[in-house]
N, C-alpha and C. Protein backbone atom coordinates (compact mmCIF):
# COMPACT_ATOMS: atom_id res chain seq x y z
N MET A 1 187.60 -2.60 75.94
CA MET A 1 188.31 -3.25 76.99
C MET A 1 187.28 -3.70 78.03
N LEU A 2 186.20 -2.99 78.21
CA LEU A 2 185.23 -3.37 79.19
C LEU A 2 184.64 -4.73 78.88
N ILE A 3 184.30 -4.99 77.63
CA ILE A 3 183.73 -6.29 77.24
C ILE A 3 184.75 -7.39 77.51
N LEU A 4 185.98 -7.16 77.11
CA LEU A 4 186.99 -8.21 77.26
C LEU A 4 187.23 -8.57 78.71
N LYS A 5 187.33 -7.56 79.59
CA LYS A 5 187.58 -7.84 81.04
C LYS A 5 186.36 -8.56 81.63
N ALA A 6 185.16 -8.13 81.30
CA ALA A 6 184.01 -8.69 81.89
C ALA A 6 183.75 -10.11 81.44
N LEU A 7 184.02 -10.47 80.19
CA LEU A 7 183.67 -11.77 79.66
C LEU A 7 184.85 -12.74 79.48
N ALA A 8 186.05 -12.25 79.39
CA ALA A 8 187.13 -13.17 79.01
C ALA A 8 188.42 -12.94 79.81
N GLU A 9 188.41 -12.19 80.89
CA GLU A 9 189.61 -11.99 81.67
C GLU A 9 190.20 -13.33 82.10
N ARG A 10 191.47 -13.50 81.89
CA ARG A 10 192.26 -14.70 82.24
C ARG A 10 191.76 -15.93 81.47
N ARG A 11 191.02 -15.70 80.39
CA ARG A 11 190.63 -16.81 79.47
C ARG A 11 191.08 -16.41 78.11
N VAL A 12 190.60 -17.11 77.14
CA VAL A 12 191.11 -16.95 75.74
C VAL A 12 190.11 -16.16 74.90
N GLY A 13 190.63 -15.26 74.11
CA GLY A 13 189.86 -14.59 73.06
C GLY A 13 190.49 -14.92 71.70
N VAL A 14 189.69 -15.27 70.73
CA VAL A 14 190.17 -15.68 69.42
C VAL A 14 189.81 -14.61 68.42
N ILE A 15 190.78 -14.25 67.61
CA ILE A 15 190.52 -13.18 66.57
C ILE A 15 191.45 -13.53 65.35
N SER A 16 191.00 -13.17 64.17
CA SER A 16 191.80 -13.34 62.98
C SER A 16 192.98 -12.43 63.00
N ARG A 17 194.15 -12.93 62.60
CA ARG A 17 195.34 -12.16 62.56
C ARG A 17 195.18 -10.92 61.69
N GLY A 18 194.40 -11.02 60.64
CA GLY A 18 194.17 -9.86 59.76
C GLY A 18 193.33 -8.77 60.33
N GLN A 19 192.74 -9.01 61.52
CA GLN A 19 191.88 -8.04 62.14
C GLN A 19 192.56 -7.31 63.36
N LEU A 20 193.82 -7.59 63.55
CA LEU A 20 194.57 -6.99 64.64
C LEU A 20 194.99 -5.58 64.20
N VAL A 21 194.06 -4.72 64.16
CA VAL A 21 194.24 -3.37 63.59
C VAL A 21 194.69 -2.33 64.67
N GLU A 22 195.16 -1.23 64.17
CA GLU A 22 195.39 -0.04 65.02
C GLU A 22 194.26 0.93 64.68
N ILE A 23 193.59 1.39 65.73
CA ILE A 23 192.48 2.33 65.53
C ILE A 23 192.95 3.75 65.90
N GLY A 24 192.07 4.71 65.72
CA GLY A 24 192.41 6.09 66.06
C GLY A 24 193.02 6.23 67.42
N GLY A 25 193.85 7.20 67.54
CA GLY A 25 194.52 7.49 68.79
C GLY A 25 195.69 6.53 69.07
N GLY A 26 196.06 5.73 68.08
CA GLY A 26 197.16 4.80 68.30
C GLY A 26 196.82 3.55 69.12
N PHE A 27 195.54 3.29 69.32
CA PHE A 27 195.19 2.09 70.06
C PHE A 27 195.27 0.89 69.20
N ARG A 28 195.98 -0.08 69.58
CA ARG A 28 196.15 -1.32 68.86
C ARG A 28 195.37 -2.41 69.52
N ILE A 29 194.55 -3.13 68.72
CA ILE A 29 193.70 -4.21 69.23
C ILE A 29 194.54 -5.18 70.10
N PRO A 30 195.69 -5.69 69.68
CA PRO A 30 196.44 -6.58 70.53
C PRO A 30 196.79 -5.99 71.91
N ASP A 31 197.14 -4.69 71.92
CA ASP A 31 197.45 -4.05 73.20
C ASP A 31 196.25 -3.93 74.12
N VAL A 32 195.09 -3.61 73.52
CA VAL A 32 193.87 -3.52 74.30
C VAL A 32 193.49 -4.94 74.89
N ILE A 33 193.69 -5.89 74.09
CA ILE A 33 193.36 -7.25 74.56
C ILE A 33 194.33 -7.65 75.69
N LYS A 34 195.62 -7.35 75.53
CA LYS A 34 196.58 -7.62 76.59
C LYS A 34 196.28 -6.90 77.88
N GLN A 35 195.94 -5.63 77.81
CA GLN A 35 195.60 -4.81 78.96
C GLN A 35 194.33 -5.42 79.71
N SER A 36 193.47 -6.03 78.94
CA SER A 36 192.27 -6.64 79.46
C SER A 36 192.54 -7.95 80.18
N GLU A 37 193.82 -8.41 80.12
CA GLU A 37 194.18 -9.68 80.72
C GLU A 37 193.52 -10.90 80.08
N VAL A 38 193.28 -10.73 78.75
CA VAL A 38 192.71 -11.86 77.97
C VAL A 38 193.86 -12.48 77.25
N ASN A 39 193.92 -13.81 77.20
CA ASN A 39 194.95 -14.50 76.47
C ASN A 39 194.57 -14.55 74.99
N LEU A 40 195.26 -13.77 74.18
CA LEU A 40 195.00 -13.59 72.78
C LEU A 40 195.48 -14.82 71.95
N VAL A 41 194.55 -15.35 71.17
CA VAL A 41 194.96 -16.38 70.22
C VAL A 41 194.62 -15.85 68.83
N GLU A 42 195.64 -15.63 68.04
CA GLU A 42 195.46 -15.20 66.64
C GLU A 42 195.30 -16.42 65.80
N VAL A 43 194.32 -16.27 64.86
CA VAL A 43 194.11 -17.45 63.95
C VAL A 43 194.33 -16.98 62.48
N GLY A 44 194.69 -17.94 61.64
CA GLY A 44 194.87 -17.59 60.22
C GLY A 44 196.17 -16.80 59.97
N THR A 45 196.16 -16.14 58.84
CA THR A 45 197.26 -15.32 58.43
C THR A 45 196.76 -13.88 58.19
N THR A 46 197.63 -12.97 57.92
CA THR A 46 197.22 -11.60 57.71
C THR A 46 196.18 -11.51 56.56
N ASN A 47 196.38 -12.23 55.50
CA ASN A 47 195.47 -12.14 54.35
C ASN A 47 194.47 -13.26 54.21
N ARG A 48 194.60 -14.40 54.99
CA ARG A 48 193.68 -15.49 54.78
C ARG A 48 193.37 -16.18 56.15
N THR A 49 192.14 -16.12 56.48
CA THR A 49 191.68 -16.86 57.71
C THR A 49 190.40 -17.60 57.26
N HIS A 50 190.30 -18.86 57.71
CA HIS A 50 189.22 -19.71 57.32
C HIS A 50 188.46 -20.20 58.62
N PRO A 51 187.22 -20.63 58.49
CA PRO A 51 186.48 -21.13 59.64
C PRO A 51 187.25 -22.26 60.39
N HIS A 52 187.94 -23.13 59.62
CA HIS A 52 188.63 -24.20 60.35
C HIS A 52 189.75 -23.69 61.24
N ASP A 53 190.24 -22.50 60.97
CA ASP A 53 191.27 -21.90 61.88
C ASP A 53 190.67 -21.64 63.28
N TYR A 54 189.41 -21.19 63.27
CA TYR A 54 188.76 -20.94 64.59
C TYR A 54 188.48 -22.26 65.30
N HIS A 55 187.98 -23.24 64.56
CA HIS A 55 187.71 -24.51 65.14
C HIS A 55 188.98 -25.11 65.75
N GLN A 56 190.04 -25.07 65.05
CA GLN A 56 191.34 -25.58 65.50
C GLN A 56 191.81 -24.85 66.82
N ALA A 57 191.66 -23.55 66.82
CA ALA A 57 192.08 -22.79 68.03
C ALA A 57 191.25 -23.18 69.25
N ILE A 58 189.93 -23.34 69.02
CA ILE A 58 189.05 -23.69 70.11
C ILE A 58 189.42 -25.06 70.65
N THR A 59 189.68 -25.96 69.74
CA THR A 59 190.08 -27.36 70.16
C THR A 59 191.40 -27.33 70.91
N GLU A 60 192.40 -26.61 70.35
CA GLU A 60 193.74 -26.57 71.01
C GLU A 60 193.66 -25.84 72.33
N GLN A 61 192.72 -24.99 72.60
CA GLN A 61 192.62 -24.27 73.89
C GLN A 61 191.79 -25.04 74.86
N ASN A 62 191.47 -26.26 74.61
CA ASN A 62 190.70 -27.15 75.51
C ASN A 62 189.43 -26.45 75.97
N ASN A 63 188.76 -25.83 75.04
CA ASN A 63 187.47 -25.18 75.36
C ASN A 63 187.58 -24.11 76.41
N ASN A 64 188.76 -23.43 76.50
CA ASN A 64 188.89 -22.30 77.42
C ASN A 64 188.63 -20.98 76.71
N VAL A 65 188.13 -21.06 75.51
CA VAL A 65 187.83 -19.81 74.73
C VAL A 65 186.59 -19.19 75.28
N ALA A 66 186.63 -17.97 75.69
CA ALA A 66 185.51 -17.22 76.27
C ALA A 66 184.84 -16.33 75.25
N LEU A 67 185.52 -15.98 74.15
CA LEU A 67 185.01 -15.01 73.23
C LEU A 67 185.64 -15.15 71.84
N ILE A 68 184.81 -15.13 70.79
CA ILE A 68 185.30 -15.00 69.46
C ILE A 68 185.09 -13.52 69.07
N MET A 69 186.10 -12.90 68.56
CA MET A 69 186.05 -11.50 68.23
C MET A 69 186.21 -11.23 66.76
N ARG A 70 185.49 -10.27 66.28
CA ARG A 70 185.64 -9.84 64.93
C ARG A 70 185.78 -8.30 64.89
N ALA A 71 186.78 -7.78 64.24
CA ALA A 71 186.99 -6.36 64.20
C ALA A 71 186.89 -5.90 62.74
N HIS A 72 185.96 -4.99 62.52
CA HIS A 72 185.75 -4.49 61.18
C HIS A 72 186.95 -3.67 60.68
N HIS A 73 187.39 -3.85 59.46
CA HIS A 73 188.57 -3.18 58.91
C HIS A 73 188.38 -1.70 58.83
N SER A 74 187.17 -1.21 58.71
CA SER A 74 186.85 0.23 58.65
C SER A 74 187.57 0.96 57.54
N ASN A 75 188.81 1.37 57.77
CA ASN A 75 189.46 2.30 56.86
C ASN A 75 190.62 1.68 56.06
N TYR A 76 190.64 0.38 55.89
CA TYR A 76 191.61 -0.26 55.00
C TYR A 76 191.03 -1.55 54.49
N ASN A 77 191.61 -2.04 53.43
CA ASN A 77 191.23 -3.35 52.81
C ASN A 77 192.41 -4.17 52.50
N ILE A 78 192.32 -5.47 52.67
CA ILE A 78 193.37 -6.37 52.18
C ILE A 78 192.76 -6.94 50.91
N VAL A 79 193.41 -6.71 49.75
CA VAL A 79 192.85 -7.13 48.45
C VAL A 79 193.75 -8.17 47.84
N GLY A 80 193.22 -8.84 46.85
CA GLY A 80 193.95 -9.90 46.18
C GLY A 80 193.65 -11.22 46.76
N PHE A 81 194.71 -11.98 47.07
CA PHE A 81 194.60 -13.32 47.62
C PHE A 81 194.23 -13.24 49.09
N ALA A 82 192.97 -12.92 49.39
CA ALA A 82 192.55 -12.66 50.75
C ALA A 82 191.14 -13.25 50.99
N THR A 83 190.92 -13.73 52.22
CA THR A 83 189.62 -14.20 52.59
C THR A 83 189.54 -14.22 54.11
N GLU A 84 188.32 -14.08 54.63
CA GLU A 84 188.07 -14.24 56.04
C GLU A 84 186.62 -14.72 56.20
N PRO A 85 186.31 -15.37 57.28
CA PRO A 85 184.94 -15.87 57.44
C PRO A 85 183.97 -14.67 57.55
N LYS A 86 182.77 -14.90 57.02
CA LYS A 86 181.70 -13.97 57.20
C LYS A 86 181.18 -14.03 58.63
N LEU A 87 180.47 -12.99 59.08
CA LEU A 87 179.94 -12.98 60.40
C LEU A 87 179.11 -14.25 60.70
N GLN A 88 178.27 -14.64 59.75
CA GLN A 88 177.36 -15.74 59.92
C GLN A 88 178.18 -17.06 60.19
N GLU A 89 179.33 -17.16 59.55
CA GLU A 89 180.18 -18.38 59.79
C GLU A 89 180.73 -18.34 61.21
N LEU A 90 181.17 -17.18 61.69
CA LEU A 90 181.66 -17.08 63.06
C LEU A 90 180.54 -17.32 64.08
N LEU A 91 179.34 -16.85 63.77
CA LEU A 91 178.22 -17.12 64.63
C LEU A 91 177.90 -18.61 64.72
N SER A 92 178.01 -19.31 63.62
CA SER A 92 177.78 -20.76 63.64
C SER A 92 178.82 -21.50 64.46
N ILE A 93 180.09 -21.04 64.37
CA ILE A 93 181.16 -21.64 65.16
C ILE A 93 180.90 -21.33 66.65
N GLY A 94 180.53 -20.07 66.94
CA GLY A 94 180.24 -19.70 68.34
C GLY A 94 179.07 -20.52 68.86
N SER A 95 178.06 -20.69 68.08
CA SER A 95 176.91 -21.48 68.51
C SER A 95 177.30 -22.93 68.78
N GLU A 96 178.04 -23.49 67.86
CA GLU A 96 178.51 -24.91 68.01
C GLU A 96 179.27 -25.16 69.29
N HIS A 97 180.07 -24.20 69.64
CA HIS A 97 180.91 -24.33 70.85
C HIS A 97 180.42 -23.53 72.08
N ASN A 98 179.22 -22.92 71.96
CA ASN A 98 178.68 -22.17 73.02
C ASN A 98 179.59 -21.00 73.49
N ILE A 99 180.12 -20.24 72.50
CA ILE A 99 181.01 -19.16 72.74
C ILE A 99 180.37 -17.90 72.12
N PRO A 100 180.24 -16.84 72.90
CA PRO A 100 179.69 -15.56 72.35
C PRO A 100 180.61 -14.96 71.27
N VAL A 101 180.01 -14.26 70.34
CA VAL A 101 180.76 -13.58 69.31
C VAL A 101 180.58 -12.10 69.40
N LEU A 102 181.69 -11.34 69.52
CA LEU A 102 181.71 -9.89 69.62
C LEU A 102 181.99 -9.34 68.26
N ASP A 103 181.14 -8.50 67.78
CA ASP A 103 181.35 -7.83 66.46
C ASP A 103 181.65 -6.40 66.71
N ASP A 104 182.93 -6.00 66.59
CA ASP A 104 183.38 -4.63 66.81
C ASP A 104 183.33 -3.94 65.48
N LEU A 105 182.37 -2.99 65.31
CA LEU A 105 182.16 -2.35 64.04
C LEU A 105 182.97 -1.09 63.88
N GLY A 106 183.81 -0.76 64.80
CA GLY A 106 184.59 0.50 64.71
C GLY A 106 183.64 1.68 64.86
N SER A 107 183.57 2.48 63.84
CA SER A 107 182.67 3.67 63.94
C SER A 107 181.20 3.20 63.76
N GLY A 108 180.98 2.14 63.08
CA GLY A 108 179.64 1.66 62.90
C GLY A 108 178.82 2.56 62.05
N THR A 109 177.62 2.13 61.63
CA THR A 109 176.71 2.97 60.91
C THR A 109 175.28 2.43 61.17
N LEU A 110 174.35 3.35 61.02
CA LEU A 110 172.94 2.94 61.27
C LEU A 110 172.13 2.83 60.03
N ILE A 111 172.71 3.29 58.93
CA ILE A 111 171.99 3.21 57.61
C ILE A 111 172.90 2.61 56.57
N ASP A 112 172.28 2.07 55.56
CA ASP A 112 173.00 1.49 54.44
C ASP A 112 173.66 2.58 53.61
N THR A 113 174.95 2.74 53.76
CA THR A 113 175.70 3.79 53.08
C THR A 113 175.72 3.64 51.57
N SER A 114 175.46 2.43 51.08
CA SER A 114 175.57 2.22 49.61
C SER A 114 174.39 2.92 48.91
N THR A 115 173.32 3.21 49.61
CA THR A 115 172.23 3.94 48.95
C THR A 115 172.58 5.35 48.59
N PHE A 116 173.68 5.89 49.16
CA PHE A 116 174.14 7.20 48.89
C PHE A 116 175.42 7.20 47.96
N GLY A 117 175.63 6.02 47.32
CA GLY A 117 176.77 5.92 46.44
C GLY A 117 178.11 5.74 47.15
N LEU A 118 178.07 5.44 48.44
CA LEU A 118 179.24 5.18 49.21
C LEU A 118 179.50 3.68 49.28
N THR A 119 180.73 3.32 49.70
CA THR A 119 181.05 1.91 49.91
C THR A 119 180.18 1.37 50.98
N HIS A 120 179.65 0.15 50.83
CA HIS A 120 178.87 -0.47 51.84
C HIS A 120 179.59 -0.70 53.11
N GLU A 121 179.08 -0.35 54.22
CA GLU A 121 179.62 -0.62 55.52
C GLU A 121 178.57 -1.42 56.29
N PRO A 122 179.00 -2.44 57.09
CA PRO A 122 178.02 -3.18 57.84
C PRO A 122 177.32 -2.27 58.89
N THR A 123 176.02 -2.46 58.95
CA THR A 123 175.26 -1.65 59.91
C THR A 123 175.10 -2.38 61.25
N VAL A 124 174.85 -1.63 62.27
CA VAL A 124 174.60 -2.22 63.60
C VAL A 124 173.45 -3.22 63.47
N GLN A 125 172.40 -2.86 62.78
CA GLN A 125 171.27 -3.76 62.60
C GLN A 125 171.63 -5.05 61.89
N ASP A 126 172.52 -4.96 60.91
CA ASP A 126 173.00 -6.15 60.18
C ASP A 126 173.59 -7.15 61.20
N SER A 127 174.43 -6.65 62.07
CA SER A 127 175.09 -7.49 63.08
C SER A 127 174.10 -8.10 64.04
N LEU A 128 173.20 -7.24 64.54
CA LEU A 128 172.21 -7.79 65.48
C LEU A 128 171.28 -8.79 64.83
N ASN A 129 170.83 -8.45 63.64
CA ASN A 129 169.89 -9.35 62.93
C ASN A 129 170.54 -10.68 62.57
N ALA A 130 171.88 -10.67 62.34
CA ALA A 130 172.58 -11.91 62.06
C ALA A 130 172.71 -12.76 63.30
N GLY A 131 172.61 -12.15 64.50
CA GLY A 131 172.69 -12.85 65.72
C GLY A 131 173.95 -12.66 66.55
N ALA A 132 174.73 -11.61 66.25
CA ALA A 132 175.92 -11.36 67.04
C ALA A 132 175.56 -11.26 68.52
N SER A 133 176.37 -11.88 69.36
CA SER A 133 176.12 -11.84 70.80
C SER A 133 176.24 -10.44 71.35
N LEU A 134 177.27 -9.73 70.95
CA LEU A 134 177.50 -8.35 71.37
C LEU A 134 178.00 -7.57 70.11
N VAL A 135 177.55 -6.31 70.02
CA VAL A 135 178.04 -5.42 68.98
C VAL A 135 178.52 -4.15 69.68
N CYS A 136 179.69 -3.72 69.29
CA CYS A 136 180.17 -2.43 69.87
C CYS A 136 180.58 -1.53 68.74
N PHE A 137 180.42 -0.20 69.01
CA PHE A 137 180.79 0.76 67.99
C PHE A 137 180.98 2.08 68.69
N SER A 138 181.58 3.02 67.95
CA SER A 138 181.94 4.33 68.51
C SER A 138 180.85 5.33 68.41
N ALA A 139 180.26 5.78 69.52
CA ALA A 139 179.18 6.75 69.49
C ALA A 139 179.68 8.10 69.01
N ASP A 140 180.87 8.48 69.43
CA ASP A 140 181.37 9.82 69.04
C ASP A 140 181.62 9.91 67.56
N LYS A 141 182.16 8.85 66.95
CA LYS A 141 182.39 8.89 65.49
C LYS A 141 181.05 8.83 64.73
N LEU A 142 180.12 8.03 65.22
CA LEU A 142 178.88 7.85 64.55
C LEU A 142 177.95 9.05 64.67
N LEU A 143 177.86 9.53 65.94
CA LEU A 143 176.88 10.56 66.26
C LEU A 143 177.40 11.91 66.59
N GLY A 144 178.73 12.01 66.74
CA GLY A 144 179.35 13.29 67.15
C GLY A 144 179.28 13.42 68.65
N GLY A 145 180.02 14.37 69.14
CA GLY A 145 179.97 14.67 70.59
C GLY A 145 181.19 14.07 71.31
N PRO A 146 181.10 13.94 72.62
CA PRO A 146 182.23 13.46 73.40
C PRO A 146 182.52 11.98 73.12
N GLN A 147 183.75 11.52 73.44
CA GLN A 147 184.13 10.16 73.15
C GLN A 147 183.27 9.19 74.00
N ALA A 148 182.72 8.22 73.30
CA ALA A 148 181.85 7.22 73.94
C ALA A 148 181.76 5.98 73.06
N GLY A 149 181.50 4.85 73.72
CA GLY A 149 181.28 3.65 73.02
C GLY A 149 179.91 3.10 73.36
N ILE A 150 179.33 2.37 72.45
CA ILE A 150 178.04 1.71 72.68
C ILE A 150 178.22 0.24 72.57
N ILE A 151 177.65 -0.51 73.51
CA ILE A 151 177.62 -1.98 73.52
C ILE A 151 176.16 -2.35 73.53
N ILE A 152 175.74 -3.16 72.52
CA ILE A 152 174.43 -3.70 72.44
C ILE A 152 174.46 -5.17 72.19
N GLY A 153 173.36 -5.87 72.49
CA GLY A 153 173.31 -7.30 72.25
C GLY A 153 172.56 -8.04 73.31
N ASN A 154 173.04 -9.28 73.57
CA ASN A 154 172.36 -10.17 74.54
C ASN A 154 172.43 -9.55 75.92
N LYS A 155 171.26 -9.46 76.54
CA LYS A 155 171.14 -8.83 77.87
C LYS A 155 172.01 -9.51 78.91
N HIS A 156 172.07 -10.79 78.90
CA HIS A 156 172.83 -11.49 79.94
C HIS A 156 174.35 -11.28 79.77
N LEU A 157 174.82 -10.91 78.57
CA LEU A 157 176.22 -10.60 78.40
C LEU A 157 176.51 -9.13 78.66
N ILE A 158 175.54 -8.24 78.46
CA ILE A 158 175.71 -6.83 78.75
C ILE A 158 175.76 -6.55 80.26
N LYS A 159 174.91 -7.25 80.94
CA LYS A 159 174.80 -7.01 82.43
C LYS A 159 176.07 -6.99 83.16
N PRO A 160 177.06 -7.90 82.88
CA PRO A 160 178.29 -7.89 83.62
C PRO A 160 179.22 -6.70 83.25
N GLN A 161 178.85 -5.93 82.26
CA GLN A 161 179.74 -4.81 81.81
C GLN A 161 179.63 -3.69 82.82
N LYS A 162 180.62 -3.59 83.70
CA LYS A 162 180.63 -2.53 84.69
C LYS A 162 181.89 -1.77 84.59
N PRO A 163 181.89 -0.42 84.61
CA PRO A 163 183.12 0.35 84.52
C PRO A 163 184.16 -0.06 85.53
N SER A 164 183.74 -0.58 86.67
CA SER A 164 184.70 -0.93 87.70
C SER A 164 185.58 -2.14 87.26
N ALA A 165 185.12 -2.78 86.20
CA ALA A 165 185.86 -3.95 85.68
C ALA A 165 187.20 -3.47 85.08
N CYS A 166 187.30 -2.22 84.78
CA CYS A 166 188.58 -1.69 84.19
C CYS A 166 189.26 -0.83 85.23
N GLN A 167 190.46 -1.24 85.59
CA GLN A 167 191.20 -0.49 86.62
C GLN A 167 191.52 0.93 86.17
N SER A 168 191.59 1.17 84.89
CA SER A 168 191.93 2.51 84.47
C SER A 168 190.75 3.46 84.51
N HIS A 169 189.56 2.98 84.74
CA HIS A 169 188.36 3.78 84.81
C HIS A 169 188.32 4.49 86.13
N LYS A 170 187.97 5.80 86.13
CA LYS A 170 187.89 6.56 87.37
C LYS A 170 186.45 7.14 87.44
N SER A 171 185.75 6.87 88.50
CA SER A 171 184.36 7.37 88.63
C SER A 171 184.44 8.89 88.91
N ARG A 172 183.50 9.56 88.43
CA ARG A 172 183.40 11.03 88.64
C ARG A 172 182.14 11.36 89.35
């Protein structure tokens, strides 16, 4: 929510309809976006989203799009007649329209899990090396310990991230 309020409050955030997931604790991505006062524009369908869907949304929003968002599916898959743009395709769209791309990795991982016989999960380094503007992931799920989130990426986009941007945050 911090990223959304700081970068896209009262503007438009674009995300694939198939990525509007519910995460642990019953938090639903559309609800978090709404609480952030970001105007959510869903593109594509649950099972199929194409790059042209993002282009069309940006055009229809008269370039009021502040953020392109990608949410990793983490613990479920849509199989069969399904497709969605790769991160690199979203980064190209973001670059073309001068819009930052947020890659929300959920729990995230720091190592290639496939080397241990597990299903491949995108790593934080993969997202950064591809050029994602911002990458966020769950520190508590990845590293253990108290609930925490990590935001990494372009310094000029991270700087505006202040806890005071969220009304629900209470300083201690």
